[in-house]
PDB file of N, CA and C in Angstrom:
ATOM      1  N   MET A   1     -13.827  48.935 -22.725  1.00  0.00           N
ATOM      2  CA  MET A   1     -13.021  48.621 -22.003  1.00  0.00           C
ATOM      3  C   MET A   1     -13.028  49.868 -21.067  1.00  0.00           C
ATOM      4  N   MET A   2     -12.612  49.425 -19.942  1.00  0.00           N
ATOM      5  CA  MET A   2     -12.588  49.988 -18.554  1.00  0.00           C
ATOM      6  C   MET A   2     -11.430  51.782 -18.588  1.00  0.00           C
ATOM      7  N   ILE A   3     -12.336  52.400 -18.182  1.00  0.00           N
ATOM      8  CA  ILE A   3     -11.052  53.771 -18.424  1.00  0.00           C
ATOM      9  C   ILE A   3     -10.330  53.691 -16.911  1.00  0.00           C
ATOM     10  N   LYS A   4      -9.198  54.069 -16.789  1.00  0.00           N
ATOM     11  CA  LYS A   4      -8.107  53.754 -16.052  1.00  0.00           C
ATOM     12  C   LYS A   4      -9.186  54.563 -14.300  1.00  0.00           C
ATOM     13  N   ALA A   5      -9.294  55.645 -14.733  1.00  0.00           N
ATOM     14  CA  ALA A   5     -10.557  56.064 -13.509  1.00  0.00           C
ATOM     15  C   ALA A   5     -11.676  54.827 -12.641  1.00  0.00           C
ATOM     16  N   THR A   6     -11.767  54.719 -13.463  1.00  0.00           N
ATOM     17  CA  THR A   6     -12.537  53.682 -13.117  1.00  0.00           C
ATOM     18  C   THR A   6     -12.237  52.891 -12.109  1.00  0.00           C
ATOM     19  N   ILE A   7     -11.372  52.184 -12.962  1.00  0.00           N
ATOM     20  CA  ILE A   7     -10.845  51.456 -11.735  1.00  0.00           C
ATOM     21  C   ILE A   7     -10.167  51.379 -10.372  1.00  0.00           C
ATOM     22  N   ASP A   8      -9.626  52.754 -10.538  1.00  0.00           N
ATOM     23  CA  ASP A   8      -8.639  53.242  -9.460  1.00  0.00           C
ATOM     24  C   ASP A   8      -9.859  53.666  -8.757  1.00  0.00           C
ATOM     25  N   ALA A   9     -11.722  54.052  -8.852  1.00  0.00           N
ATOM     26  CA  ALA A   9     -12.567  54.441  -7.819  1.00  0.00           C
ATOM     27  C   ALA A   9     -12.919  53.089  -7.617  1.00  0.00           C
ATOM     28  N   GLN A  10     -12.850  52.162  -8.691  1.00  0.00           N
ATOM     29  CA  GLN A  10     -13.908  50.581  -7.693  1.00  0.00           C
ATOM     30  C   GLN A  10     -12.770  49.895  -6.997  1.00  0.00           C
ATOM     31  N   VAL A  11     -11.426  50.100  -7.371  1.00  0.00           N
ATOM     32  CA  VAL A  11     -10.378  48.895  -6.342  1.00  0.00           C
ATOM     33  C   VAL A  11     -10.344  49.941  -5.268  1.00  0.00           C
ATOM     34  N   ALA A  12     -10.500  51.447  -4.984  1.00  0.00           N
ATOM     35  CA  ALA A  12     -10.593  51.721  -3.728  1.00  0.00           C
ATOM     36  C   ALA A  12     -11.508  51.435  -2.806  1.00  0.00           C
ATOM     37  N   GLU A  13     -12.831  51.331  -3.472  1.00  0.00           N
ATOM     38  CA  GLU A  13     -13.977  51.022  -2.734  1.00  0.00           C
ATOM     39  C   GLU A  13     -13.859  49.620  -2.770  1.00  0.00           C
ATOM     40  N   LEU A  14     -13.366  48.567  -3.341  1.00  0.00           N
ATOM     41  CA  LEU A  14     -13.263  47.431  -2.706  1.00  0.00           C
ATOM     42  C   LEU A  14     -12.028  47.255  -1.218  1.00  0.00           C
ATOM     43  N   MET A  15     -11.307  48.345  -1.516  1.00  0.00           N
ATOM     44  CA  MET A  15     -10.535  48.530  -0.320  1.00  0.00           C
ATOM     45  C   MET A  15     -11.113  48.563   0.989  1.00  0.00           C
ATOM     46  N   LEU A  16     -12.258  49.635   1.037  1.00  0.00           N
ATOM     47  CA  LEU A  16     -12.642  50.099   2.358  1.00  0.00           C
ATOM     48  C   LEU A  16     -13.051  49.160   3.288  1.00  0.00           C
ATOM     49  N   PRO A  17     -13.700  48.078   2.871  1.00  0.00           N
ATOM     50  CA  PRO A  17     -13.760  47.131   4.208  1.00  0.00           C
ATOM     51  C   PRO A  17     -12.923  46.300   4.746  1.00  0.00           C
ATOM     52  N   LEU A  18     -11.515  46.636   3.668  1.00  0.00           N
ATOM     53  CA  LEU A  18     -10.397  45.772   4.497  1.00  0.00           C
ATOM     54  C   LEU A  18      -9.286  46.736   5.145  1.00  0.00           C
ATOM     55  N   VAL A  19      -9.662  48.125   5.539  1.00  0.00           N
ATOM     56  CA  VAL A  19      -9.112  48.534   5.998  1.00  0.00           C
ATOM     57  C   VAL A  19      -9.713  49.033   6.867  1.00  0.00           C
ATOM     58  N   ALA A  20     -11.209  49.025   6.542  1.00  0.00           N
ATOM     59  CA  ALA A  20     -11.775  49.234   8.210  1.00  0.00           C
ATOM     60  C   ALA A  20     -11.456  48.549   9.339  1.00  0.00           C
ATOM     61  N   SER A  21     -11.552  47.124   8.858  1.00  0.00           N
ATOM     62  CA  SER A  21     -11.218  46.410   9.758  1.00  0.00           C
ATOM     63  C   SER A  21     -10.073  45.858  10.303  1.00  0.00           C
ATOM     64  N   THR A  22      -8.961  47.087  10.139  1.00  0.00           N
ATOM     65  CA  THR A  22      -7.958  46.975  10.698  1.00  0.00           C
ATOM     66  C   THR A  22      -7.275  48.954  11.373  1.00  0.00           C
ATOM     67  N   ASN A  23      -6.323  49.004  11.136  1.00  0.00           N
ATOM     68  CA  ASN A  23      -5.552  49.961  11.707  1.00  0.00           C
ATOM     69  C   ASN A  23      -4.966  51.168  11.135  1.00  0.00           C
ATOM     70  N   LEU A  24      -5.365  50.392   9.079  1.00  0.00           N
ATOM     71  CA  LEU A  24      -4.359  50.934   7.965  1.00  0.00           C
ATOM     72  C   LEU A  24      -5.922  51.635   7.455  1.00  0.00           C
ATOM     73  N   GLU A  25      -4.860  52.999   6.949  1.00  0.00           N
ATOM     74  CA  GLU A  25      -5.323  53.584   5.947  1.00  0.00           C
ATOM     75  C   GLU A  25      -5.638  53.446   4.425  1.00  0.00           C
ATOM     76  N   LEU A  26      -5.981  53.333   3.433  1.00  0.00           N
ATOM     77  CA  LEU A  26      -5.978  53.775   1.894  1.00  0.00           C
ATOM     78  C   LEU A  26      -6.099  55.104   1.880  1.00  0.00           C
ATOM     79  N   VAL A  27      -4.447  55.125   1.333  1.00  0.00           N
ATOM     80  CA  VAL A  27      -3.769  56.369   0.997  1.00  0.00           C
ATOM     81  C   VAL A  27      -4.216  56.900  -0.061  1.00  0.00           C
ATOM     82  N   GLU A  28      -4.019  55.844  -1.221  1.00  0.00           N
ATOM     83  CA  GLU A  28      -3.950  56.032  -2.908  1.00  0.00           C
ATOM     84  C   GLU A  28      -4.613  54.407  -3.540  1.00  0.00           C
ATOM     85  N   VAL A  29      -4.824  54.512  -4.736  1.00  0.00           N
ATOM     86  CA  VAL A  29      -4.853  53.830  -5.836  1.00  0.00           C
ATOM     87  C   VAL A  29      -4.772  54.198  -6.874  1.00  0.00           C
ATOM     88  N   THR A  30      -3.109  53.599  -7.663  1.00  0.00           N
ATOM     89  CA  THR A  30      -3.209  53.861  -9.074  1.00  0.00           C
ATOM     90  C   THR A  30      -3.414  52.809  -9.875  1.00  0.00           C
ATOM     91  N   TYR A  31      -3.761  52.770 -11.300  1.00  0.00           N
ATOM     92  CA  TYR A  31      -3.426  51.980 -11.997  1.00  0.00           C
ATOM     93  C   TYR A  31      -3.131  52.817 -13.216  1.00  0.00           C
ATOM     94  N   THR A  32      -1.777  53.101 -13.332  1.00  0.00           N
ATOM     95  CA  THR A  32      -0.702  52.893 -14.593  1.00  0.00           C
ATOM     96  C   THR A  32       0.097  52.111 -15.674  1.00  0.00           C
ATOM     97  N   LYS A  33      -0.252  52.109 -16.503  1.00  0.00           N
ATOM     98  CA  LYS A  33       0.592  51.791 -17.504  1.00  0.00           C
ATOM     99  C   LYS A  33       1.951  51.741 -17.581  1.00  0.00           C
ATOM    100  N   GLU A  34       2.971  50.913 -17.898  1.00  0.00           N
ATOM    101  CA  GLU A  34       4.147  51.536 -17.885  1.00  0.00           C
ATOM    102  C   GLU A  34       4.961  50.615 -18.624  1.00  0.00           C
ATOM    103  N   GLY A  35       5.445  51.676 -20.276  1.00  0.00           N
ATOM    104  CA  GLY A  35       5.863  50.276 -21.323  1.00  0.00           C
ATOM    105  C   GLY A  35       4.593  49.659 -21.728  1.00  0.00           C
ATOM    106  N   SER A  36       5.044  48.365 -21.660  1.00  0.00           N
ATOM    107  CA  SER A  36       4.241  47.506 -21.980  1.00  0.00           C
ATOM    108  C   SER A  36       3.109  46.891 -20.736  1.00  0.00           C
ATOM    109  N   GLN A  37       3.223  47.131 -19.677  1.00  0.00           N
ATOM    110  CA  GLN A  37       2.742  46.312 -18.635  1.00  0.00           C
ATOM    111  C   GLN A  37       2.121  47.612 -17.761  1.00  0.00           C
ATOM    112  N   TRP A  38       0.996  46.889 -17.646  1.00  0.00           N
ATOM    113  CA  TRP A  38      -0.171  47.823 -16.551  1.00  0.00           C
ATOM    114  C   TRP A  38       0.156  47.146 -14.715  1.00  0.00           C
ATOM    115  N   TYR A  39       0.175  48.372 -13.962  1.00  0.00           N
ATOM    116  CA  TYR A  39       0.410  47.961 -12.542  1.00  0.00           C
ATOM    117  C   TYR A  39      -0.551  48.946 -11.876  1.00  0.00           C
ATOM    118  N   LEU A  40      -1.265  48.196 -10.875  1.00  0.00           N
ATOM    119  CA  LEU A  40      -2.313  48.212  -9.629  1.00  0.00           C
ATOM    120  C   LEU A  40      -2.077  48.621  -8.615  1.00  0.00           C
ATOM    121  N   ARG A  41      -1.205  49.470  -8.161  1.00  0.00           N
ATOM    122  CA  ARG A  41      -0.672  50.216  -6.954  1.00  0.00           C
ATOM    123  C   ARG A  41      -1.617  50.643  -5.997  1.00  0.00           C
ATOM    124  N   VAL A  42      -1.323  50.258  -4.832  1.00  0.00           N
ATOM    125  CA  VAL A  42      -2.528  50.023  -3.797  1.00  0.00           C
ATOM    126  C   VAL A  42      -1.181  50.921  -2.458  1.00  0.00           C
ATOM    127  N   PHE A  43      -1.528  52.022  -2.164  1.00  0.00           N
ATOM    128  CA  PHE A  43      -0.818  52.945  -0.869  1.00  0.00           C
ATOM    129  C   PHE A  43      -1.381  52.365   0.049  1.00  0.00           C
ATOM    130  N   ILE A  44      -1.120  51.845   1.554  1.00  0.00           N
ATOM    131  CA  ILE A  44      -1.871  51.939   3.028  1.00  0.00           C
ATOM    132  C   ILE A  44      -0.475  52.536   3.894  1.00  0.00           C
ATOM    133  N   ASP A  45      -1.309  53.695   5.038  1.00  0.00           N
ATOM    134  CA  ASP A  45      -0.604  53.477   5.881  1.00  0.00           C
ATOM    135  C   ASP A  45      -0.726  53.399   7.152  1.00  0.00           C
ATOM    136  N   LYS A  46      -0.168  53.407   8.089  1.00  0.00           N
ATOM    137  CA  LYS A  46      -0.621  53.224   9.765  1.00  0.00           C
ATOM    138  C   LYS A  46      -0.048  53.929  10.653  1.00  0.00           C
ATOM    139  N   PRO A  47      -1.004  54.741  11.630  1.00  0.00           N
ATOM    140  CA  PRO A  47       0.339  55.300  12.837  1.00  0.00           C
ATOM    141  C   PRO A  47       1.779  54.156  12.767  1.00  0.00           C
ATOM    142  N   GLY A  48       2.672  55.058  12.802  1.00  0.00           N
ATOM    143  CA  GLY A  48       3.978  54.172  13.076  1.00  0.00           C
ATOM    144  C   GLY A  48       4.589  53.726  12.104  1.00  0.00           C
ATOM    145  N   GLY A  49       3.520  53.577  10.530  1.00  0.00           N
ATOM    146  CA  GLY A  49       4.220  52.802   9.920  1.00  0.00           C
ATOM    147  C   GLY A  49       3.753  51.705   9.403  1.00  0.00           C
ATOM    148  N   ILE A  50       3.654  51.072   7.778  1.00  0.00           N
ATOM    149  CA  ILE A  50       3.341  49.898   7.653  1.00  0.00           C
ATOM    150  C   ILE A  50       4.958  49.300   7.682  1.00  0.00           C
ATOM    151  N   ASN A  51       4.607  47.873   8.085  1.00  0.00           N
ATOM    152  CA  ASN A  51       5.793  46.856   7.867  1.00  0.00           C
ATOM    153  C   ASN A  51       5.236  45.323   6.264  1.00  0.00           C
ATOM    154  N   ILE A  52       6.449  45.073   6.097  1.00  0.00           N
ATOM    155  CA  ILE A  52       5.486  43.463   4.967  1.00  0.00           C
ATOM    156  C   ILE A  52       4.924  42.607   5.191  1.00  0.00           C
ATOM    157  N   ALA A  53       4.459  42.490   6.458  1.00  0.00           N
ATOM    158  CA  ALA A  53       2.986  41.596   6.846  1.00  0.00           C
ATOM    159  C   ALA A  53       2.333  41.951   6.406  1.00  0.00           C
ATOM    160  N   ASP A  54       1.869  43.970   6.954  1.00  0.00           N
ATOM    161  CA  ASP A  54       1.014  44.925   6.338  1.00  0.00           C
ATOM    162  C   ASP A  54       0.594  44.242   5.056  1.00  0.00           C
ATOM    163  N   CYS A  55       1.022  44.822   4.258  1.00  0.00           N
ATOM    164  CA  CYS A  55       1.543  44.951   2.711  1.00  0.00           C
ATOM    165  C   CYS A  55       0.582  43.468   2.555  1.00  0.00           C
ATOM    166  N   GLN A  56       1.633  42.575   3.015  1.00  0.00           N
ATOM    167  CA  GLN A  56       1.030  40.649   2.229  1.00  0.00           C
ATOM    168  C   GLN A  56      -0.156  40.246   2.404  1.00  0.00           C
ATOM    169  N   GLU A  57      -0.935  40.810   3.552  1.00  0.00           N
ATOM    170  CA  GLU A  57      -1.706  40.784   4.300  1.00  0.00           C
ATOM    171  C   GLU A  57      -3.060  41.207   3.271  1.00  0.00           C
ATOM    172  N   ILE A  58      -2.952  42.138   3.211  1.00  0.00           N
ATOM    173  CA  ILE A  58      -3.883  43.250   2.031  1.00  0.00           C
ATOM    174  C   ILE A  58      -3.749  42.716   0.681  1.00  0.00           C
ATOM    175  N   SER A  59      -2.969  42.412   0.822  1.00  0.00           N
ATOM    176  CA  SER A  59      -2.555  42.058  -0.813  1.00  0.00           C
ATOM    177  C   SER A  59      -2.617  40.938  -1.311  1.00  0.00           C
ATOM    178  N   GLY A  60      -3.007  39.600  -0.450  1.00  0.00           N
ATOM    179  CA  GLY A  60      -3.699  38.483  -0.630  1.00  0.00           C
ATOM    180  C   GLY A  60      -5.368  38.281  -0.528  1.00  0.00           C
ATOM    181  N   LYS A  61      -5.625  39.256   0.722  1.00  0.00           N
ATOM    182  CA  LYS A  61      -7.353  39.257   0.552  1.00  0.00           C
ATOM    183  C   LYS A  61      -7.283  40.242  -0.237  1.00  0.00           C
ATOM    184  N   LEU A  62      -6.800  41.155  -1.460  1.00  0.00           N
ATOM    185  CA  LEU A  62      -6.988  42.236  -2.200  1.00  0.00           C
ATOM    186  C   LEU A  62      -7.462  41.350  -3.913  1.00  0.00           C
ATOM    187  N   GLU A  63      -6.409  40.763  -3.541  1.00  0.00           N
ATOM    188  CA  GLU A  63      -6.128  39.725  -5.053  1.00  0.00           C
ATOM    189  C   GLU A  63      -7.221  39.029  -4.988  1.00  0.00           C
ATOM    190  N   GLU A  64      -7.799  37.824  -3.744  1.00  0.00           N
ATOM    191  CA  GLU A  64      -9.378  37.274  -4.022  1.00  0.00           C
ATOM    192  C   GLU A  64     -10.288  38.082  -4.557  1.00  0.00           C
ATOM    193  N   ILE A  65     -10.086  39.034  -3.981  1.00  0.00           N
ATOM    194  CA  ILE A  65     -11.523  39.660  -4.461  1.00  0.00           C
ATOM    195  C   ILE A  65     -11.326  40.304  -5.493  1.00  0.00           C
ATOM    196  N   LEU A  66     -10.528  40.762  -6.135  1.00  0.00           N
ATOM    197  CA  LEU A  66      -9.963  41.191  -7.783  1.00  0.00           C
ATOM    198  C   LEU A  66     -10.461  40.098  -8.622  1.00  0.00           C
ATOM    199  N   ASP A  67      -9.857  38.764  -7.994  1.00  0.00           N
ATOM    200  CA  ASP A  67      -9.965  37.417  -8.988  1.00  0.00           C
ATOM    201  C   ASP A  67     -11.452  37.624  -9.227  1.00  0.00           C
ATOM    202  N   GLU A  68     -12.120  37.405  -7.515  1.00  0.00           N
ATOM    203  CA  GLU A  68     -13.492  36.884  -7.760  1.00  0.00           C
ATOM    204  C   GLU A  68     -14.504  38.034  -8.691  1.00  0.00           C
ATOM    205  N   LYS A  69     -14.156  39.008  -8.361  1.00  0.00           N
ATOM    206  CA  LYS A  69     -14.881  40.547  -9.512  1.00  0.00           C
ATOM    207  C   LYS A  69     -14.722  40.666 -10.587  1.00  0.00           C
ATOM    208  N   ASP A  70     -13.564  40.069 -11.504  1.00  0.00           N
ATOM    209  CA  ASP A  70     -12.531  40.272 -12.494  1.00  0.00           C
ATOM    210  C   ASP A  70     -12.881  41.200 -13.312  1.00  0.00           C
ATOM    211  N   PHE A  71     -13.360  42.401 -12.946  1.00  0.00           N
ATOM    212  CA  PHE A  71     -13.437  43.866 -13.712  1.00  0.00           C
ATOM    213  C   PHE A  71     -12.450  44.229 -15.018  1.00  0.00           C
ATOM    214  N   ILE A  72     -10.891  43.983 -14.759  1.00  0.00           N
ATOM    215  CA  ILE A  72      -9.677  44.066 -14.829  1.00  0.00           C
ATOM    216  C   ILE A  72      -9.622  43.204 -16.008  1.00  0.00           C
ATOM    217  N   LEU A  73      -9.768  44.179 -16.890  1.00  0.00           N
ATOM    218  CA  LEU A  73      -9.600  43.029 -18.689  1.00  0.00           C
ATOM    219  C   LEU A  73      -8.727  42.617 -18.820  1.00  0.00           C
ATOM    220  N   GLN A  74      -7.268  44.014 -18.598  1.00  0.00           N
ATOM    221  CA  GLN A  74      -5.868  43.571 -18.832  1.00  0.00           C
ATOM    222  C   GLN A  74      -5.153  43.153 -17.559  1.00  0.00           C
ATOM    223  N   ALA A  75      -4.425  42.161 -18.321  1.00  0.00           N
ATOM    224  CA  ALA A  75      -3.596  41.831 -17.159  1.00  0.00           C
ATOM    225  C   ALA A  75      -2.583  43.101 -16.425  1.00  0.00           C
ATOM    226  N   TYR A  76      -2.285  42.319 -15.424  1.00  0.00           N
ATOM    227  CA  TYR A  76      -1.478  43.634 -14.699  1.00  0.00           C
ATOM    228  C   TYR A  76      -1.058  42.977 -13.148  1.00  0.00           C
ATOM    229  N   ILE A  77      -0.296  43.923 -12.729  1.00  0.00           N
ATOM    230  CA  ILE A  77       1.354  43.716 -11.410  1.00  0.00           C
ATOM    231  C   ILE A  77       0.505  44.381 -10.470  1.00  0.00           C
ATOM    232  N   LEU A  78      -0.175  43.348  -9.412  1.00  0.00           N
ATOM    233  CA  LEU A  78      -0.629  44.187  -8.053  1.00  0.00           C
ATOM    234  C   LEU A  78       0.924  44.643  -6.794  1.00  0.00           C
ATOM    235  N   GLU A  79       0.312  45.536  -6.562  1.00  0.00           N
ATOM    236  CA  GLU A  79       1.546  46.202  -5.718  1.00  0.00           C
ATOM    237  C   GLU A  79       0.861  46.619  -4.738  1.00  0.00           C
ATOM    238  N   VAL A  80       1.342  46.456  -3.107  1.00  0.00           N
ATOM    239  CA  VAL A  80       0.473  46.602  -2.490  1.00  0.00           C
ATOM    240  C   VAL A  80       1.785  47.393  -1.377  1.00  0.00           C
ATOM    241  N   SER A  81       1.858  48.854  -1.120  1.00  0.00           N
ATOM    242  CA  SER A  81       2.850  49.334  -0.027  1.00  0.00           C
ATOM    243  C   SER A  81       2.806  50.427   0.350  1.00  0.00           C
ATOM    244  N   SER A  82       3.968  50.908   1.213  1.00  0.00           N
ATOM    245  CA  SER A  82       3.431  52.500   1.979  1.00  0.00           C
ATOM    246  C   SER A  82       3.533  53.312   0.736  1.00  0.00           C
ATOM    247  N   PRO A  83       2.869  54.761   1.185  1.00  0.00           N
ATOM    248  CA  PRO A  83       3.062  55.506   0.254  1.00  0.00           C
ATOM    249  C   PRO A  83       4.809  56.023   0.723  1.00  0.00           C
ATOM    250  N   GLY A  84       5.557  56.107   1.251  1.00  0.00           N
ATOM    251  CA  GLY A  84       6.997  56.248   1.321  1.00  0.00           C
ATOM    252  C   GLY A  84       6.531  58.211   2.157  1.00  0.00           C
ATOM    253  N   ILE A  85       7.985  58.087   2.458  1.00  0.00           N
ATOM    254  CA  ILE A  85       8.493  59.393   2.498  1.00  0.00           C
ATOM    255  C   ILE A  85       8.207  60.774   1.706  1.00  0.00           C
ATOM    256  N   GLU A  86       8.025  60.180   0.570  1.00  0.00           N
ATOM    257  CA  GLU A  86       7.253  61.535  -0.328  1.00  0.00           C
ATOM    258  C   GLU A  86       5.906  61.320  -0.267  1.00  0.00           C
ATOM    259  N   ARG A  87       5.154  61.057   0.382  1.00  0.00           N
ATOM    260  CA  ARG A  87       3.805  60.661   0.291  1.00  0.00           C
ATOM    261  C   ARG A  87       3.072  61.780  -0.432  1.00  0.00           C
ATOM    262  N   SER A  88       2.383  62.203  -0.765  1.00  0.00           N
ATOM    263  CA  SER A  88       1.245  63.277  -1.650  1.00  0.00           C
ATOM    264  C   SER A  88       0.466  63.620  -0.025  1.00  0.00           C
ATOM    265  N   LEU A  89       0.591  64.819   0.030  1.00  0.00           N
ATOM    266  CA  LEU A  89      -0.637  65.387   0.921  1.00  0.00           C
ATOM    267  C   LEU A  89      -1.726  65.527   0.156  1.00  0.00           C
ATOM    268  N   LYS A  90      -3.181  64.849   0.136  1.00  0.00           N
ATOM    269  CA  LYS A  90      -3.919  64.878  -0.691  1.00  0.00           C
ATOM    270  C   LYS A  90      -5.322  65.548   0.504  1.00  0.00           C
ATOM    271  N   LYS A  91      -5.494  65.278   2.203  1.00  0.00           N
ATOM    272  CA  LYS A  91      -6.999  65.509   2.773  1.00  0.00           C
ATOM    273  C   LYS A  91      -6.130  66.394   3.488  1.00  0.00           C
ATOM    274  N   PRO A  92      -7.079  66.492   4.378  1.00  0.00           N
ATOM    275  CA  PRO A  92      -6.526  67.933   5.523  1.00  0.00           C
ATOM    276  C   PRO A  92      -5.743  67.591   6.397  1.00  0.00           C
ATOM    277  N   ALA A  93      -6.294  66.190   6.905  1.00  0.00           N
ATOM    278  CA  ALA A  93      -5.955  65.607   7.674  1.00  0.00           C
ATOM    279  C   ALA A  93      -4.309  65.501   7.501  1.00  0.00           C
ATOM    280  N   ASP A  94      -3.601  65.289   6.103  1.00  0.00           N
ATOM    281  CA  ASP A  94      -2.617  64.898   5.917  1.00  0.00           C
ATOM    282  C   ASP A  94      -1.618  66.290   6.488  1.00  0.00           C
ATOM    283  N   TYR A  95      -2.594  67.588   6.205  1.00  0.00           N
ATOM    284  CA  TYR A  95      -1.366  68.841   6.746  1.00  0.00           C
ATOM    285  C   TYR A  95      -1.345  68.818   8.080  1.00  0.00           C
ATOM    286  N   ILE A  96      -2.312  68.327   8.924  1.00  0.00           N
ATOM    287  CA  ILE A  96      -2.047  68.621  10.436  1.00  0.00           C
ATOM    288  C   ILE A  96      -1.153  66.897  11.441  1.00  0.00           C
ATOM    289  N   GLY A  97      -0.768  66.162  10.439  1.00  0.00           N
ATOM    290  CA  GLY A  97      -0.585  64.899  11.048  1.00  0.00           C
ATOM    291  C   GLY A  97      -1.549  64.407  12.351  1.00  0.00           C
ATOM    292  N   GLY A  98      -2.545  64.752  12.128  1.00  0.00           N
ATOM    293  CA  GLY A  98      -3.739  63.574  12.916  1.00  0.00           C
ATOM    294  C   GLY A  98      -4.100  62.556  11.581  1.00  0.00           C
ATOM    295  N   LYS A  99      -4.552  61.257  12.039  1.00  0.00           N
ATOM    296  CA  LYS A  99      -4.893  60.244  11.422  1.00  0.00           C
ATOM    297  C   LYS A  99      -5.393  60.784  10.232  1.00  0.00           C
ATOM    298  N   LYS A 100      -5.388  59.905   9.160  1.00  0.00           N
ATOM    299  CA  LYS A 100      -6.123  60.201   8.086  1.00  0.00           C
ATOM    300  C   LYS A 100      -7.689  59.177   7.981  1.00  0.00           C
TER     301      LYS A 100
END
């Protein structure tokens, strides 16, 4: 079984071309188990914030890639969303308000 951190890293790597071709930023990828269910959460952002269309577009494209690569053994729920106002500050640009 693939370890959680490896899944996070692989999904983040798959996301790079998707966000590079847009004005979006990949903030974080998490793969976690809550109760009996696994969740793959992808947090994206852009200047001015994201909207539901941004999330739907990235979700659809990522879902196709994940189905093709098929490296996650467990059933999971894919969620693509904004990190929200409580966003963790992880990169130097997060602290200075510049493009991340």
